[in-house]
Amino acid sequence: MTVVEQLLAPAQRDMIRDELLRSLCKLERSLKASGEAARPRDLEQDTVGRLSRIEALQNAGFTKKLEAREQAQLEQIVAALHRLEEGSYGSCNGCGAPIPFERLSIFPETLACSTCTRGG
């Protein structure tokens, strides 16, 4: 019996898998949209004046940071789905203890129990 089978009932596994897949789809859509928004533009055509160009560059920088954060979250979700499928999902990487379902249902991509997350 795998770790995930010991820790979670089939309905709980399905609920977490569904939540991870919903989050994955949402992030993929968001990354696609932000990628389109971050395409290089001719600043002379889109903006008027120096201040507008500065704002456009700041917005592009913000979009890149948001995209990097979303990409990291997407990778965490993919890794969680992989752990769920291989049977190692739900065990804390820090102490090895089972992560309670309540925590997994709130943070399904988590790798650690609340004690290890707090540094305890």
N, C-alpha and C. Protein backbone atom coordinates (compact mmCIF):
# COMPACT_ATOMS: atom_id res chain seq x y z
N MET A 1 0.84 -1.17 0.00
CA MET A 1 0.00 0.00 0.00
C MET A 1 0.90 1.25 0.00
N THR A 2 0.59 2.20 -0.88
CA THR A 2 1.39 3.42 -0.98
C THR A 2 1.05 4.39 0.14
N VAL A 3 1.92 5.38 0.31
CA VAL A 3 1.70 6.41 1.34
C VAL A 3 0.36 7.09 1.13
N VAL A 4 0.09 7.47 -0.09
CA VAL A 4 -1.16 8.20 -0.38
C VAL A 4 -2.37 7.32 -0.08
N GLU A 5 -2.28 6.03 -0.34
CA GLU A 5 -3.40 5.13 -0.04
C GLU A 5 -3.61 4.98 1.46
N GLN A 6 -2.53 5.06 2.22
CA GLN A 6 -2.63 4.97 3.68
C GLN A 6 -3.21 6.25 4.28
N LEU A 7 -2.89 7.38 3.70
CA LEU A 7 -3.28 8.67 4.28
C LEU A 7 -4.64 9.18 3.84
N LEU A 8 -5.02 8.88 2.61
CA LEU A 8 -6.22 9.49 2.04
C LEU A 8 -7.19 8.45 1.52
N ALA A 9 -8.46 8.68 1.77
CA ALA A 9 -9.51 7.85 1.19
C ALA A 9 -9.59 8.15 -0.30
N PRO A 10 -10.11 7.22 -1.10
CA PRO A 10 -10.22 7.47 -2.54
C PRO A 10 -10.94 8.78 -2.88
N ALA A 11 -12.00 9.10 -2.16
CA ALA A 11 -12.73 10.35 -2.44
C ALA A 11 -11.86 11.57 -2.14
N GLN A 12 -11.04 11.48 -1.10
CA GLN A 12 -10.13 12.59 -0.77
C GLN A 12 -9.07 12.75 -1.85
N ARG A 13 -8.51 11.63 -2.32
CA ARG A 13 -7.52 11.69 -3.42
C ARG A 13 -8.13 12.33 -4.65
N ASP A 14 -9.35 11.91 -4.98
CA ASP A 14 -10.02 12.47 -6.16
C ASP A 14 -10.26 13.97 -6.00
N MET A 15 -10.66 14.38 -4.80
CA MET A 15 -10.91 15.80 -4.55
C MET A 15 -9.62 16.61 -4.73
N ILE A 16 -8.53 16.12 -4.19
CA ILE A 16 -7.25 16.82 -4.30
C ILE A 16 -6.77 16.83 -5.75
N ARG A 17 -6.89 15.71 -6.45
CA ARG A 17 -6.49 15.64 -7.86
C ARG A 17 -7.29 16.65 -8.67
N ASP A 18 -8.61 16.70 -8.44
CA ASP A 18 -9.46 17.65 -9.17
C ASP A 18 -9.04 19.10 -8.90
N GLU A 19 -8.74 19.41 -7.64
CA GLU A 19 -8.32 20.77 -7.29
C GLU A 19 -6.99 21.11 -7.95
N LEU A 20 -6.06 20.17 -7.94
CA LEU A 20 -4.76 20.40 -8.59
C LEU A 20 -4.94 20.62 -10.09
N LEU A 21 -5.79 19.82 -10.71
CA LEU A 21 -6.02 19.97 -12.16
C LEU A 21 -6.70 21.30 -12.48
N ARG A 22 -7.65 21.73 -11.63
CA ARG A 22 -8.30 23.04 -11.84
C ARG A 22 -7.26 24.16 -11.73
N SER A 23 -6.41 24.07 -10.72
CA SER A 23 -5.37 25.09 -10.54
C SER A 23 -4.40 25.09 -11.71
N LEU A 24 -4.06 23.92 -12.19
CA LEU A 24 -3.15 23.80 -13.33
C LEU A 24 -3.74 24.47 -14.57
N CYS A 25 -5.00 24.20 -14.86
CA CYS A 25 -5.65 24.82 -16.03
C CYS A 25 -5.72 26.33 -15.89
N LYS A 26 -6.06 26.80 -14.69
CA LYS A 26 -6.15 28.24 -14.44
C LYS A 26 -4.80 28.91 -14.66
N LEU A 27 -3.73 28.31 -14.13
CA LEU A 27 -2.40 28.89 -14.30
C LEU A 27 -1.95 28.85 -15.76
N GLU A 28 -2.25 27.77 -16.46
CA GLU A 28 -1.87 27.69 -17.87
C GLU A 28 -2.55 28.80 -18.67
N ARG A 29 -3.84 29.04 -18.39
CA ARG A 29 -4.55 30.13 -19.08
C ARG A 29 -3.94 31.49 -18.73
N SER A 30 -3.62 31.68 -17.47
CA SER A 30 -3.05 32.94 -17.02
C SER A 30 -1.67 33.17 -17.65
N LEU A 31 -0.86 32.12 -17.71
CA LEU A 31 0.47 32.25 -18.31
C LEU A 31 0.36 32.55 -19.80
N LYS A 32 -0.60 31.93 -20.46
CA LYS A 32 -0.79 32.21 -21.88
C LYS A 32 -1.19 33.67 -22.09
N ALA A 33 -2.11 34.15 -21.26
CA ALA A 33 -2.57 35.54 -21.37
C ALA A 33 -1.45 36.52 -21.05
N SER A 34 -0.67 36.24 -20.00
CA SER A 34 0.41 37.16 -19.65
C SER A 34 1.52 37.11 -20.68
N GLY A 35 1.72 35.96 -21.30
CA GLY A 35 2.71 35.86 -22.37
C GLY A 35 2.33 36.72 -23.56
N GLU A 36 1.05 36.73 -23.87
CA GLU A 36 0.57 37.58 -24.97
C GLU A 36 0.69 39.05 -24.60
N ALA A 37 0.41 39.37 -23.35
CA ALA A 37 0.49 40.77 -22.90
C ALA A 37 1.93 41.27 -22.85
N ALA A 38 2.87 40.35 -22.64
CA ALA A 38 4.27 40.75 -22.49
C ALA A 38 5.02 40.80 -23.81
N ARG A 39 4.34 40.52 -24.90
CA ARG A 39 5.02 40.59 -26.20
C ARG A 39 5.60 41.98 -26.41
N PRO A 40 6.77 42.03 -27.02
CA PRO A 40 7.37 43.35 -27.26
C PRO A 40 6.46 44.22 -28.12
N ARG A 41 6.43 45.47 -27.77
CA ARG A 41 5.61 46.43 -28.52
C ARG A 41 6.48 47.59 -28.93
N ASP A 42 6.04 48.25 -29.94
CA ASP A 42 6.70 49.48 -30.36
C ASP A 42 6.20 50.59 -29.44
N LEU A 43 7.06 51.01 -28.52
CA LEU A 43 6.65 51.99 -27.53
C LEU A 43 6.25 53.32 -28.15
N GLU A 44 6.79 53.63 -29.30
CA GLU A 44 6.43 54.89 -29.95
C GLU A 44 4.98 54.87 -30.41
N GLN A 45 4.48 53.70 -30.82
CA GLN A 45 3.10 53.61 -31.30
C GLN A 45 2.11 53.52 -30.14
N ASP A 46 2.50 52.82 -29.07
CA ASP A 46 1.56 52.55 -27.98
C ASP A 46 1.49 53.67 -26.95
N THR A 47 2.48 54.49 -26.89
CA THR A 47 2.52 55.47 -25.81
C THR A 47 2.90 56.84 -26.35
N VAL A 48 2.61 57.82 -25.55
CA VAL A 48 2.96 59.18 -25.90
C VAL A 48 3.76 59.75 -24.75
N GLY A 49 4.95 60.22 -25.04
CA GLY A 49 5.76 60.87 -24.02
C GLY A 49 6.60 59.91 -23.20
N ARG A 50 7.56 60.50 -22.53
CA ARG A 50 8.54 59.74 -21.76
C ARG A 50 7.89 58.98 -20.60
N LEU A 51 6.97 59.62 -19.88
CA LEU A 51 6.32 59.00 -18.73
C LEU A 51 5.55 57.74 -19.15
N SER A 52 4.87 57.79 -20.26
CA SER A 52 4.11 56.64 -20.74
C SER A 52 5.04 55.48 -21.08
N ARG A 53 6.20 55.79 -21.64
CA ARG A 53 7.16 54.72 -21.96
C ARG A 53 7.69 54.08 -20.68
N ILE A 54 7.96 54.90 -19.68
CA ILE A 54 8.43 54.38 -18.39
C ILE A 54 7.36 53.48 -17.77
N GLU A 55 6.12 53.91 -17.81
CA GLU A 55 5.03 53.09 -17.27
C GLU A 55 4.92 51.78 -18.02
N ALA A 56 5.07 51.82 -19.34
CA ALA A 56 4.99 50.60 -20.14
C ALA A 56 6.11 49.64 -19.77
N LEU A 57 7.31 50.15 -19.55
CA LEU A 57 8.43 49.30 -19.14
C LEU A 57 8.21 48.73 -17.75
N GLN A 58 7.67 49.53 -16.84
CA GLN A 58 7.37 49.04 -15.49
C GLN A 58 6.30 47.94 -15.54
N ASN A 59 5.29 48.13 -16.35
CA ASN A 59 4.25 47.12 -16.50
C ASN A 59 4.82 45.83 -17.06
N ALA A 60 5.73 45.95 -18.02
CA ALA A 60 6.35 44.75 -18.59
C ALA A 60 7.17 44.02 -17.53
N GLY A 61 7.87 44.77 -16.68
CA GLY A 61 8.64 44.15 -15.60
C GLY A 61 7.74 43.45 -14.60
N PHE A 62 6.63 44.08 -14.25
CA PHE A 62 5.67 43.48 -13.34
C PHE A 62 5.10 42.20 -13.94
N THR A 63 4.78 42.23 -15.22
CA THR A 63 4.23 41.06 -15.90
C THR A 63 5.22 39.91 -15.88
N LYS A 64 6.50 40.20 -16.10
CA LYS A 64 7.52 39.15 -16.08
C LYS A 64 7.65 38.53 -14.70
N LYS A 65 7.59 39.34 -13.64
CA LYS A 65 7.67 38.82 -12.27
C LYS A 65 6.47 37.94 -11.96
N LEU A 66 5.29 38.40 -12.36
CA LEU A 66 4.08 37.62 -12.14
C LEU A 66 4.15 36.30 -12.90
N GLU A 67 4.63 36.36 -14.12
CA GLU A 67 4.77 35.16 -14.94
C GLU A 67 5.73 34.16 -14.30
N ALA A 68 6.84 34.64 -13.76
CA ALA A 68 7.81 33.76 -13.10
C ALA A 68 7.19 33.10 -11.87
N ARG A 69 6.43 33.86 -11.10
CA ARG A 69 5.77 33.31 -9.91
C ARG A 69 4.74 32.25 -10.32
N GLU A 70 3.97 32.54 -11.35
CA GLU A 70 2.97 31.58 -11.81
C GLU A 70 3.62 30.33 -12.38
N GLN A 71 4.74 30.48 -13.07
CA GLN A 71 5.46 29.33 -13.61
C GLN A 71 5.97 28.44 -12.48
N ALA A 72 6.48 29.03 -11.42
CA ALA A 72 6.96 28.25 -10.27
C ALA A 72 5.80 27.50 -9.61
N GLN A 73 4.66 28.17 -9.49
CA GLN A 73 3.49 27.52 -8.90
C GLN A 73 3.00 26.38 -9.79
N LEU A 74 3.03 26.59 -11.09
CA LEU A 74 2.63 25.55 -12.03
C LEU A 74 3.53 24.32 -11.87
N GLU A 75 4.83 24.53 -11.72
CA GLU A 75 5.76 23.42 -11.54
C GLU A 75 5.49 22.68 -10.23
N GLN A 76 5.11 23.41 -9.17
CA GLN A 76 4.76 22.77 -7.90
C GLN A 76 3.51 21.90 -8.05
N ILE A 77 2.55 22.37 -8.81
CA ILE A 77 1.32 21.62 -9.01
C ILE A 77 1.59 20.37 -9.84
N VAL A 78 2.38 20.49 -10.88
CA VAL A 78 2.74 19.32 -11.70
C VAL A 78 3.46 18.29 -10.84
N ALA A 79 4.37 18.75 -9.98
CA ALA A 79 5.10 17.83 -9.09
C ALA A 79 4.14 17.15 -8.12
N ALA A 80 3.17 17.90 -7.59
CA ALA A 80 2.19 17.31 -6.67
C ALA A 80 1.35 16.25 -7.38
N LEU A 81 0.93 16.53 -8.61
CA LEU A 81 0.18 15.53 -9.38
C LEU A 81 1.02 14.28 -9.61
N HIS A 82 2.30 14.47 -9.89
CA HIS A 82 3.20 13.33 -10.09
C HIS A 82 3.30 12.50 -8.80
N ARG A 83 3.48 13.18 -7.65
CA ARG A 83 3.56 12.47 -6.37
C ARG A 83 2.26 11.73 -6.07
N LEU A 84 1.14 12.35 -6.41
CA LEU A 84 -0.16 11.73 -6.18
C LEU A 84 -0.28 10.45 -7.00
N GLU A 85 0.15 10.50 -8.25
CA GLU A 85 0.07 9.33 -9.12
C GLU A 85 1.04 8.22 -8.71
N GLU A 86 2.23 8.60 -8.26
CA GLU A 86 3.23 7.58 -7.89
C GLU A 86 3.02 7.04 -6.48
N GLY A 87 2.17 7.73 -5.68
CA GLY A 87 1.84 7.22 -4.36
C GLY A 87 2.62 7.81 -3.21
N SER A 88 3.46 8.81 -3.45
CA SER A 88 4.24 9.40 -2.37
C SER A 88 3.64 10.70 -1.84
N TYR A 89 2.51 11.09 -2.36
CA TYR A 89 1.84 12.34 -1.97
C TYR A 89 1.35 12.26 -0.53
N GLY A 90 1.46 13.37 0.20
CA GLY A 90 0.87 13.47 1.52
C GLY A 90 1.82 13.22 2.67
N SER A 91 3.07 12.97 2.36
CA SER A 91 4.09 12.75 3.38
C SER A 91 5.00 13.97 3.42
N CYS A 92 5.29 14.48 4.62
CA CYS A 92 6.11 15.67 4.78
C CYS A 92 7.55 15.40 4.36
N ASN A 93 8.09 16.26 3.52
CA ASN A 93 9.49 16.13 3.09
C ASN A 93 10.46 16.44 4.23
N GLY A 94 10.01 17.20 5.22
CA GLY A 94 10.88 17.58 6.33
C GLY A 94 11.03 16.50 7.38
N CYS A 95 9.90 16.03 7.90
CA CYS A 95 9.95 15.08 9.02
C CYS A 95 9.41 13.70 8.66
N GLY A 96 8.78 13.57 7.51
CA GLY A 96 8.24 12.28 7.09
C GLY A 96 6.85 11.98 7.63
N ALA A 97 6.33 12.85 8.47
CA ALA A 97 5.00 12.63 9.05
C ALA A 97 3.91 12.84 8.00
N PRO A 98 2.77 12.21 8.21
CA PRO A 98 1.66 12.44 7.29
C PRO A 98 1.18 13.89 7.38
N ILE A 99 0.87 14.47 6.25
CA ILE A 99 0.30 15.82 6.22
C ILE A 99 -1.22 15.66 6.32
N PRO A 100 -1.85 16.29 7.29
CA PRO A 100 -3.30 16.13 7.45
C PRO A 100 -4.08 16.55 6.20
N PHE A 101 -5.17 15.83 5.95
CA PHE A 101 -6.01 16.12 4.80
C PHE A 101 -6.48 17.57 4.80
N GLU A 102 -6.78 18.11 5.97
CA GLU A 102 -7.25 19.49 6.06
C GLU A 102 -6.23 20.45 5.45
N ARG A 103 -4.95 20.22 5.73
CA ARG A 103 -3.89 21.06 5.15
C ARG A 103 -3.76 20.81 3.65
N LEU A 104 -3.81 19.56 3.26
CA LEU A 104 -3.69 19.23 1.83
C LEU A 104 -4.85 19.81 1.03
N SER A 105 -6.03 19.85 1.63
CA SER A 105 -7.17 20.39 0.89
C SER A 105 -7.06 21.90 0.70
N ILE A 106 -6.32 22.58 1.58
CA ILE A 106 -6.12 24.02 1.45
C ILE A 106 -4.90 24.33 0.58
N PHE A 107 -3.82 23.58 0.79
CA PHE A 107 -2.56 23.75 0.05
C PHE A 107 -2.20 22.42 -0.62
N PRO A 108 -2.90 22.03 -1.68
CA PRO A 108 -2.67 20.69 -2.24
C PRO A 108 -1.28 20.46 -2.81
N GLU A 109 -0.54 21.52 -3.10
CA GLU A 109 0.81 21.35 -3.66
C GLU A 109 1.89 21.33 -2.58
N THR A 110 1.50 21.41 -1.30
CA THR A 110 2.48 21.52 -0.22
C THR A 110 3.38 20.29 -0.12
N LEU A 111 4.59 20.53 0.33
CA LEU A 111 5.57 19.46 0.54
C LEU A 111 5.82 19.20 2.02
N ALA A 112 5.25 20.04 2.89
CA ALA A 112 5.59 19.96 4.31
C ALA A 112 4.36 20.13 5.19
N CYS A 113 4.47 19.52 6.37
CA CYS A 113 3.43 19.71 7.38
C CYS A 113 3.54 21.13 7.93
N SER A 114 2.55 21.54 8.69
CA SER A 114 2.56 22.91 9.21
C SER A 114 3.71 23.15 10.18
N THR A 115 4.11 22.13 10.94
CA THR A 115 5.23 22.29 11.88
C THR A 115 6.52 22.57 11.12
N CYS A 116 6.81 21.79 10.10
CA CYS A 116 8.04 21.99 9.32
C CYS A 116 7.99 23.30 8.53
N THR A 117 6.82 23.69 8.07
CA THR A 117 6.68 24.95 7.35
C THR A 117 7.02 26.13 8.25
N ARG A 118 6.64 26.03 9.51
CA ARG A 118 6.95 27.09 10.47
C ARG A 118 8.40 27.03 10.95
N GLY A 119 9.12 25.99 10.54
CA GLY A 119 10.52 25.87 10.93
C GLY A 119 10.72 25.12 12.23
N GLY A 120 9.69 24.39 12.63
CA GLY A 120 9.74 23.70 13.91
C GLY A 120 10.19 22.32 13.80
